[in-house]
Amino acid sequence: MSDFANLGEAVNRRLLKIFWLVDASGSMDGAKMATVNRAIKDLIPEMREVADENPEIEMQVNVIMFESKAKWIHRAVNIQDFTWTDIETGGYTSTGAALSFALEEMTEEKMSKRAIPPLVILMSDGGATDDYEKKLGDFLSDKWGKKTTRIPIAIGDDCDEVSLEKFRYPKEGPLLRAHNASDLTKLIKWASVTVSSSLSQTGTGGDLLPPPPAMNQVQLGGSDSDDQF
C-alpha cells in the first residue's frame, strides 16, 4: 500500500478514546491495587486484538490516577504502542479532579466529528474527598462528556455507591461491585475488552451494553477467603 493510501486510511479511521480512571488512595493499597495493575496489564493483548479486528477504528487509551490530586499516567496512546505502568497508592480520593482531567482529552481539537463517544471506566473503593458533585455536573454538561459510556466499578464494601451510580451510563442492570480479586479482574476485562469491542463494532455510544460477567460468591472463611478485599 502506498504512503498516500496509508495516510488516507488513517484520516478515515474513527477515533475511540478509552479512559481508565483509577482510585489510588491509601485504602486501595495491597490486593486491590495489585489486582488493578495485573488485570489491565494482562488484558492489553486482547485490546490490541479488538483494534486489529476493527481497522477502521483508532483506539487511544488514557490512564488517570487520583488520590489527593489527579495525575496523568498515560495520555492519548495508541493501544498498539501502549504498555501499562503500575500505579502506587497514597492520599485521599480526588475523584472529581480525575473527571476534569478526562475532559481535557475531549475538546473540539482532540475529538473529530466522526469520533465514537469515549468509554470511561472509573474504579474506586471509597468516597470522593473533593468537589465531586460539581465536577460531575461539569462532566455531564460537556458536549462529549455527556455522550460517554460510563462504567463505574465499586471495589470492596466501603465504596460510595450513590456517587458512582450518578456517574453510570447506561443505567440498565445493577451497579458493578467487586468484593474480591477474581471479580475485579473479570469486571475490568469486561469493561475494557468486551465493551470496547462492542463500541468499535457499532460505531455509536453504549446505549445498550453486552451483559457483564457472573460474579463469584466467595464466603468469608471459605477456601477462597484470601481472595476477599
C-alpha atoms as a PDB file:
ATOM      1  CA  MET A   1       0.000   0.000   0.000  1.00  0.00           C
ATOM      2  CA  SER A   2       1.352   3.463  -0.915  1.00  0.00           C
ATOM      3  CA  ASP A   3       2.095   6.177   1.637  1.00  0.00           C
ATOM      4  CA  PHE A   4      -0.841   8.155   0.253  1.00  0.00           C
ATOM      5  CA  ALA A   5      -3.148   5.194   0.757  1.00  0.00           C
ATOM      6  CA  ASN A   6      -1.901   4.748   4.327  1.00  0.00           C
ATOM      7  CA  LEU A   7      -2.481   8.432   5.011  1.00  0.00           C
ATOM      8  CA  GLY A   8      -6.000   8.261   3.628  1.00  0.00           C
ATOM      9  CA  GLU A   9      -6.768   5.196   5.724  1.00  0.00           C
ATOM     10  CA  ALA A  10      -5.536   6.945   8.862  1.00  0.00           C
ATOM     11  CA  VAL A  11      -7.632  10.054   8.150  1.00  0.00           C
ATOM     12  CA  ASN A  12     -10.760   7.958   7.637  1.00  0.00           C
ATOM     13  CA  ARG A  13     -10.394   5.970  10.853  1.00  0.00           C
ATOM     14  CA  ARG A  14     -12.857   6.725  13.630  1.00  0.00           C
ATOM     15  CA  LEU A  15     -11.420   7.669  16.993  1.00  0.00           C
ATOM     16  CA  LEU A  16     -12.364   5.747  20.149  1.00  0.00           C
ATOM     17  CA  LYS A  17     -10.845   7.119  23.347  1.00  0.00           C
ATOM     18  CA  ILE A  18     -10.786   4.795  26.353  1.00  0.00           C
ATOM     19  CA  PHE A  19     -10.137   6.119  29.858  1.00  0.00           C
ATOM     20  CA  TRP A  20      -9.114   4.169  32.945  1.00  0.00           C
ATOM     21  CA  LEU A  21      -9.710   6.379  35.997  1.00  0.00           C
ATOM     22  CA  VAL A  22      -8.028   4.567  38.881  1.00  0.00           C
ATOM     23  CA  ASP A  23      -8.526   5.338  42.563  1.00  0.00           C
ATOM     24  CA  ALA A  24      -5.028   5.340  44.070  1.00  0.00           C
ATOM     25  CA  SER A  25      -5.967   6.488  47.572  1.00  0.00           C
ATOM     26  CA  GLY A  26      -4.422   4.844  50.602  1.00  0.00           C
ATOM     27  CA  SER A  27      -7.344   2.442  51.060  1.00  0.00           C
ATOM     28  CA  MET A  28      -6.532   0.873  47.673  1.00  0.00           C
ATOM     29  CA  ASP A  29      -3.175  -0.334  48.967  1.00  0.00           C
ATOM     30  CA  GLY A  30      -2.438  -4.041  48.814  1.00  0.00           C
ATOM     31  CA  ALA A  31      -4.608  -6.565  46.990  1.00  0.00           C
ATOM     32  CA  LYS A  32      -6.953  -4.014  45.403  1.00  0.00           C
ATOM     33  CA  MET A  33      -4.278  -2.043  43.555  1.00  0.00           C
ATOM     34  CA  ALA A  34      -2.248  -5.154  42.809  1.00  0.00           C
ATOM     35  CA  THR A  35      -5.319  -6.627  41.132  1.00  0.00           C
ATOM     36  CA  VAL A  36      -5.939  -3.495  39.052  1.00  0.00           C
ATOM     37  CA  ASN A  37      -2.312  -3.360  37.929  1.00  0.00           C
ATOM     38  CA  ARG A  38      -2.231  -7.034  37.000  1.00  0.00           C
ATOM     39  CA  ALA A  39      -5.655  -7.096  35.345  1.00  0.00           C
ATOM     40  CA  ILE A  40      -5.036  -4.198  32.974  1.00  0.00           C
ATOM     41  CA  LYS A  41      -1.511  -5.363  32.145  1.00  0.00           C
ATOM     42  CA  ASP A  42      -2.857  -8.803  31.243  1.00  0.00           C
ATOM     43  CA  LEU A  43      -5.703  -7.581  29.021  1.00  0.00           C
ATOM     44  CA  ILE A  44      -3.609  -5.339  26.762  1.00  0.00           C
ATOM     45  CA  PRO A  45      -3.062  -8.111  24.143  1.00  0.00           C
ATOM     46  CA  GLU A  46      -6.828  -8.603  23.929  1.00  0.00           C
ATOM     47  CA  MET A  47      -7.365  -4.868  23.483  1.00  0.00           C
ATOM     48  CA  ARG A  48      -4.891  -4.950  20.616  1.00  0.00           C
ATOM     49  CA  GLU A  49      -6.827  -7.826  19.066  1.00  0.00           C
ATOM     50  CA  VAL A  50     -10.000  -5.729  19.234  1.00  0.00           C
ATOM     51  CA  ALA A  51      -8.179  -2.934  17.408  1.00  0.00           C
ATOM     52  CA  ASP A  52      -6.853  -5.360  14.784  1.00  0.00           C
ATOM     53  CA  GLU A  53     -10.355  -6.728  14.201  1.00  0.00           C
ATOM     54  CA  ASN A  54     -11.695  -3.207  13.673  1.00  0.00           C
ATOM     55  CA  PRO A  55      -9.081  -1.498  11.456  1.00  0.00           C
ATOM     56  CA  GLU A  56     -11.427   1.396  10.753  1.00  0.00           C
ATOM     57  CA  ILE A  57     -11.131   2.388  14.433  1.00  0.00           C
ATOM     58  CA  GLU A  58      -8.224   4.238  16.047  1.00  0.00           C
ATOM     59  CA  MET A  59      -8.196   3.137  19.689  1.00  0.00           C
ATOM     60  CA  GLN A  60      -6.478   5.541  22.077  1.00  0.00           C
ATOM     61  CA  VAL A  61      -6.055   4.750  25.762  1.00  0.00           C
ATOM     62  CA  ASN A  62      -5.730   7.178  28.653  1.00  0.00           C
ATOM     63  CA  VAL A  63      -4.855   6.459  32.292  1.00  0.00           C
ATOM     64  CA  ILE A  64      -5.581   8.897  35.115  1.00  0.00           C
ATOM     65  CA  MET A  65      -4.818   8.035  38.736  1.00  0.00           C
ATOM     66  CA  PHE A  66      -6.367  10.014  41.548  1.00  0.00           C
ATOM     67  CA  GLU A  67      -5.507  10.275  45.208  1.00  0.00           C
ATOM     68  CA  SER A  68      -5.024  13.629  46.967  1.00  0.00           C
ATOM     69  CA  LYS A  69      -4.767  15.007  43.443  1.00  0.00           C
ATOM     70  CA  ALA A  70      -5.255  13.608  39.963  1.00  0.00           C
ATOM     71  CA  LYS A  71      -2.321  12.720  37.713  1.00  0.00           C
ATOM     72  CA  TRP A  72      -1.916  11.637  34.106  1.00  0.00           C
ATOM     73  CA  ILE A  73      -0.126   8.287  33.766  1.00  0.00           C
ATOM     74  CA  HIS A  74      -0.721   7.777  30.033  1.00  0.00           C
ATOM     75  CA  ARG A  75      -2.402  10.195  27.645  1.00  0.00           C
ATOM     76  CA  ALA A  76      -3.818   9.522  24.156  1.00  0.00           C
ATOM     77  CA  VAL A  77      -1.620   6.492  23.434  1.00  0.00           C
ATOM     78  CA  ASN A  78      -2.495   4.176  20.561  1.00  0.00           C
ATOM     79  CA  ILE A  79      -3.298   0.760  22.007  1.00  0.00           C
ATOM     80  CA  GLN A  80      -0.649  -0.845  19.784  1.00  0.00           C
ATOM     81  CA  ASP A  81       2.027   1.295  21.458  1.00  0.00           C
ATOM     82  CA  PHE A  82       0.658   1.087  24.988  1.00  0.00           C
ATOM     83  CA  THR A  83       2.392  -0.501  27.968  1.00  0.00           C
ATOM     84  CA  TRP A  84       0.909  -0.399  31.459  1.00  0.00           C
ATOM     85  CA  THR A  85       2.702   1.465  34.253  1.00  0.00           C
ATOM     86  CA  ASP A  86       1.976   0.104  37.730  1.00  0.00           C
ATOM     87  CA  ILE A  87       0.193   2.585  39.976  1.00  0.00           C
ATOM     88  CA  GLU A  88       1.154   3.109  43.617  1.00  0.00           C
ATOM     89  CA  THR A  89      -1.193   4.251  46.367  1.00  0.00           C
ATOM     90  CA  GLY A  90      -1.383   7.030  48.965  1.00  0.00           C
ATOM     91  CA  GLY A  91      -3.510  10.017  49.932  1.00  0.00           C
ATOM     92  CA  TYR A  92      -7.193  10.785  49.633  1.00  0.00           C
ATOM     93  CA  THR A  93      -9.768  10.408  46.823  1.00  0.00           C
ATOM     94  CA  SER A  94      -9.951  13.278  44.312  1.00  0.00           C
ATOM     95  CA  THR A  95     -12.483  11.657  42.003  1.00  0.00           C
ATOM     96  CA  GLY A  96     -13.801  14.980  40.721  1.00  0.00           C
ATOM     97  CA  ALA A  97     -10.324  16.068  39.654  1.00  0.00           C
ATOM     98  CA  ALA A  98      -9.983  12.867  37.602  1.00  0.00           C
ATOM     99  CA  LEU A  99     -13.194  13.715  35.721  1.00  0.00           C
ATOM    100  CA  SER A 100     -11.832  17.184  34.950  1.00  0.00           C
ATOM    101  CA  PHE A 101      -8.601  15.678  33.636  1.00  0.00           C
ATOM    102  CA  ALA A 102     -10.557  13.356  31.353  1.00  0.00           C
ATOM    103  CA  LEU A 103     -12.408  16.324  29.847  1.00  0.00           C
ATOM    104  CA  GLU A 104      -9.040  17.737  28.765  1.00  0.00           C
ATOM    105  CA  GLU A 105      -8.926  14.952  26.155  1.00  0.00           C
ATOM    106  CA  MET A 106     -12.468  15.643  24.901  1.00  0.00           C
ATOM    107  CA  THR A 107     -12.013  19.122  23.454  1.00  0.00           C
ATOM    108  CA  GLU A 108     -13.081  20.010  19.916  1.00  0.00           C
ATOM    109  CA  GLU A 109      -9.431  19.965  18.848  1.00  0.00           C
ATOM    110  CA  LYS A 110      -8.937  16.405  20.121  1.00  0.00           C
ATOM    111  CA  MET A 111     -12.285  14.881  19.115  1.00  0.00           C
ATOM    112  CA  SER A 112     -13.164  14.549  15.442  1.00  0.00           C
ATOM    113  CA  LYS A 113     -16.773  14.900  14.316  1.00  0.00           C
ATOM    114  CA  ARG A 114     -16.827  11.179  13.456  1.00  0.00           C
ATOM    115  CA  ALA A 115     -15.385  10.072  16.783  1.00  0.00           C
ATOM    116  CA  ILE A 116     -17.185   7.373  18.752  1.00  0.00           C
ATOM    117  CA  PRO A 117     -18.281   8.663  22.183  1.00  0.00           C
ATOM    118  CA  PRO A 118     -15.488   7.752  24.626  1.00  0.00           C
ATOM    119  CA  LEU A 119     -15.520   4.879  27.094  1.00  0.00           C
ATOM    120  CA  VAL A 120     -14.740   5.906  30.685  1.00  0.00           C
ATOM    121  CA  ILE A 121     -14.053   3.207  33.289  1.00  0.00           C
ATOM    122  CA  LEU A 122     -13.945   4.522  36.858  1.00  0.00           C
ATOM    123  CA  MET A 123     -12.593   2.245  39.614  1.00  0.00           C
ATOM    124  CA  SER A 124     -12.914   3.291  43.259  1.00  0.00           C
ATOM    125  CA  ASP A 125     -13.190   1.770  46.726  1.00  0.00           C
ATOM    126  CA  GLY A 126     -14.279   4.833  48.697  1.00  0.00           C
ATOM    127  CA  GLY A 127     -15.969   8.198  48.569  1.00  0.00           C
ATOM    128  CA  ALA A 128     -14.706  11.360  46.879  1.00  0.00           C
ATOM    129  CA  THR A 129     -12.911  13.862  49.108  1.00  0.00           C
ATOM    130  CA  ASP A 130     -13.044  16.778  46.649  1.00  0.00           C
ATOM    131  CA  ASP A 131     -15.861  18.694  44.908  1.00  0.00           C
ATOM    132  CA  TYR A 132     -17.021  15.599  43.021  1.00  0.00           C
ATOM    133  CA  GLU A 133     -20.648  16.694  42.619  1.00  0.00           C
ATOM    134  CA  LYS A 134     -19.651  19.935  40.879  1.00  0.00           C
ATOM    135  CA  LYS A 135     -17.066  18.251  38.680  1.00  0.00           C
ATOM    136  CA  LEU A 136     -19.558  15.515  37.773  1.00  0.00           C
ATOM    137  CA  GLY A 137     -22.047  18.226  36.778  1.00  0.00           C
ATOM    138  CA  ASP A 138     -19.406  19.852  34.580  1.00  0.00           C
ATOM    139  CA  PHE A 139     -18.604  16.468  33.024  1.00  0.00           C
ATOM    140  CA  LEU A 140     -22.230  15.597  32.280  1.00  0.00           C
ATOM    141  CA  SER A 141     -22.936  19.009  30.761  1.00  0.00           C
ATOM    142  CA  ASP A 142     -19.934  18.845  28.422  1.00  0.00           C
ATOM    143  CA  LYS A 143     -20.650  18.149  24.744  1.00  0.00           C
ATOM    144  CA  TRP A 144     -18.613  14.935  24.711  1.00  0.00           C
ATOM    145  CA  GLY A 145     -18.710  14.121  28.416  1.00  0.00           C
ATOM    146  CA  LYS A 146     -22.462  13.607  28.405  1.00  0.00           C
ATOM    147  CA  LYS A 147     -22.187  11.212  25.442  1.00  0.00           C
ATOM    148  CA  THR A 148     -19.632   8.926  27.058  1.00  0.00           C
ATOM    149  CA  THR A 149     -20.228   5.325  28.013  1.00  0.00           C
ATOM    150  CA  ARG A 150     -19.513   5.459  31.762  1.00  0.00           C
ATOM    151  CA  ILE A 151     -18.761   2.283  33.709  1.00  0.00           C
ATOM    152  CA  PRO A 152     -18.004   2.642  37.420  1.00  0.00           C
ATOM    153  CA  ILE A 153     -16.688  -0.363  39.329  1.00  0.00           C
ATOM    154  CA  ALA A 154     -17.286  -0.294  43.084  1.00  0.00           C
ATOM    155  CA  ILE A 155     -14.443  -2.050  44.894  1.00  0.00           C
ATOM    156  CA  GLY A 156     -14.996  -3.552  48.343  1.00  0.00           C
ATOM    157  CA  ASP A 157     -17.675  -2.823  50.942  1.00  0.00           C
ATOM    158  CA  ASP A 158     -16.993   0.845  51.738  1.00  0.00           C
ATOM    159  CA  CYS A 159     -17.452   2.419  48.310  1.00  0.00           C
ATOM    160  CA  ASP A 160     -19.779   5.410  47.839  1.00  0.00           C
ATOM    161  CA  GLU A 161     -22.200   3.565  45.584  1.00  0.00           C
ATOM    162  CA  VAL A 162     -24.622   6.509  45.429  1.00  0.00           C
ATOM    163  CA  SER A 163     -21.977   8.734  43.813  1.00  0.00           C
ATOM    164  CA  LEU A 164     -20.874   6.023  41.408  1.00  0.00           C
ATOM    165  CA  GLU A 165     -24.497   5.416  40.427  1.00  0.00           C
ATOM    166  CA  LYS A 166     -24.804   9.082  39.438  1.00  0.00           C
ATOM    167  CA  PHE A 167     -21.845   8.642  37.104  1.00  0.00           C
ATOM    168  CA  ARG A 168     -23.049   5.423  35.463  1.00  0.00           C
ATOM    169  CA  TYR A 169     -24.445   5.281  31.902  1.00  0.00           C
ATOM    170  CA  PRO A 170     -26.300   3.363  30.614  1.00  0.00           C
ATOM    171  CA  LYS A 171     -28.399   2.634  33.703  1.00  0.00           C
ATOM    172  CA  GLU A 172     -29.583  -0.875  32.857  1.00  0.00           C
ATOM    173  CA  GLY A 173     -28.801  -3.531  35.452  1.00  0.00           C
ATOM    174  CA  PRO A 174     -27.150  -3.106  38.852  1.00  0.00           C
ATOM    175  CA  LEU A 175     -24.008  -1.174  39.701  1.00  0.00           C
ATOM    176  CA  LEU A 176     -20.926  -3.351  39.188  1.00  0.00           C
ATOM    177  CA  ARG A 177     -19.432  -4.427  42.528  1.00  0.00           C
ATOM    178  CA  ALA A 178     -16.196  -6.331  43.158  1.00  0.00           C
ATOM    179  CA  HIS A 179     -15.679  -7.855  46.601  1.00  0.00           C
ATOM    180  CA  ASN A 180     -12.684  -9.991  45.663  1.00  0.00           C
ATOM    181  CA  ALA A 181      -9.754 -10.041  43.257  1.00  0.00           C
ATOM    182  CA  SER A 182     -11.344 -12.548  40.899  1.00  0.00           C
ATOM    183  CA  ASP A 183     -14.459 -10.447  40.388  1.00  0.00           C
ATOM    184  CA  LEU A 184     -12.480  -7.223  39.996  1.00  0.00           C
ATOM    185  CA  THR A 185     -10.358  -8.837  37.292  1.00  0.00           C
ATOM    186  CA  LYS A 186     -13.468 -10.061  35.468  1.00  0.00           C
ATOM    187  CA  LEU A 187     -15.144  -6.653  35.618  1.00  0.00           C
ATOM    188  CA  ILE A 188     -12.085  -4.743  34.411  1.00  0.00           C
ATOM    189  CA  LYS A 189     -11.693  -7.140  31.493  1.00  0.00           C
ATOM    190  CA  TRP A 190     -15.389  -6.934  30.587  1.00  0.00           C
ATOM    191  CA  ALA A 191     -15.477  -3.131  30.766  1.00  0.00           C
ATOM    192  CA  SER A 192     -12.229  -2.751  28.834  1.00  0.00           C
ATOM    193  CA  VAL A 193     -12.275  -5.531  26.236  1.00  0.00           C
ATOM    194  CA  THR A 194     -15.901  -6.578  25.742  1.00  0.00           C
ATOM    195  CA  VAL A 195     -17.386  -3.085  25.851  1.00  0.00           C
ATOM    196  CA  SER A 196     -14.677  -1.522  23.667  1.00  0.00           C
ATOM    197  CA  SER A 197     -15.256  -4.296  21.125  1.00  0.00           C
ATOM    198  CA  SER A 198     -18.990  -3.584  21.141  1.00  0.00           C
ATOM    199  CA  LEU A 199     -18.435   0.161  20.693  1.00  0.00           C
ATOM    200  CA  SER A 200     -15.952  -0.465  17.875  1.00  0.00           C
ATOM    201  CA  GLN A 201     -18.399  -2.677  16.035  1.00  0.00           C
ATOM    202  CA  THR A 202     -21.459  -0.454  16.429  1.00  0.00           C
ATOM    203  CA  GLY A 203     -19.609   2.820  15.988  1.00  0.00           C
ATOM    204  CA  THR A 204     -22.025   4.527  18.379  1.00  0.00           C
ATOM    205  CA  GLY A 205     -22.382   5.202  22.087  1.00  0.00           C
ATOM    206  CA  GLY A 206     -23.108   2.449  24.562  1.00  0.00           C
ATOM    207  CA  ASP A 207     -26.869   2.804  24.995  1.00  0.00           C
ATOM    208  CA  LEU A 208     -27.049  -0.965  25.396  1.00  0.00           C
ATOM    209  CA  LEU A 209     -24.018  -2.848  26.698  1.00  0.00           C
ATOM    210  CA  PRO A 210     -23.163  -6.549  26.488  1.00  0.00           C
ATOM    211  CA  PRO A 211     -24.130  -8.383  29.696  1.00  0.00           C
ATOM    212  CA  PRO A 212     -21.451  -8.268  32.413  1.00  0.00           C
ATOM    213  CA  PRO A 213     -19.813 -11.456  33.676  1.00  0.00           C
ATOM    214  CA  ALA A 214     -21.237 -13.534  36.515  1.00  0.00           C
ATOM    215  CA  MET A 215     -19.629 -12.796  39.859  1.00  0.00           C
ATOM    216  CA  ASN A 216     -18.180 -15.299  42.320  1.00  0.00           C
ATOM    217  CA  GLN A 217     -19.968 -15.774  45.622  1.00  0.00           C
ATOM    218  CA  VAL A 218     -16.978 -16.053  47.944  1.00  0.00           C
ATOM    219  CA  GLN A 219     -17.844 -16.608  51.597  1.00  0.00           C
ATOM    220  CA  LEU A 220     -15.621 -15.385  54.413  1.00  0.00           C
ATOM    221  CA  GLY A 221     -13.873 -18.332  55.987  1.00  0.00           C
ATOM    222  CA  GLY A 222     -14.231 -20.416  52.831  1.00  0.00           C
ATOM    223  CA  SER A 223     -11.450 -21.831  50.745  1.00  0.00           C
ATOM    224  CA  ASP A 224     -11.213 -18.611  48.721  1.00  0.00           C
ATOM    225  CA  SER A 225     -11.415 -16.181  51.669  1.00  0.00           C
ATOM    226  CA  ASP A 226      -7.931 -14.812  50.912  1.00  0.00           C
ATOM    227  CA  ASP A 227      -9.420 -13.521  47.672  1.00  0.00           C
ATOM    228  CA  GLN A 228     -11.718 -11.180  49.604  1.00  0.00           C
ATOM    229  CA  PHE A 229     -10.940  -7.475  49.840  1.00  0.00           C
END
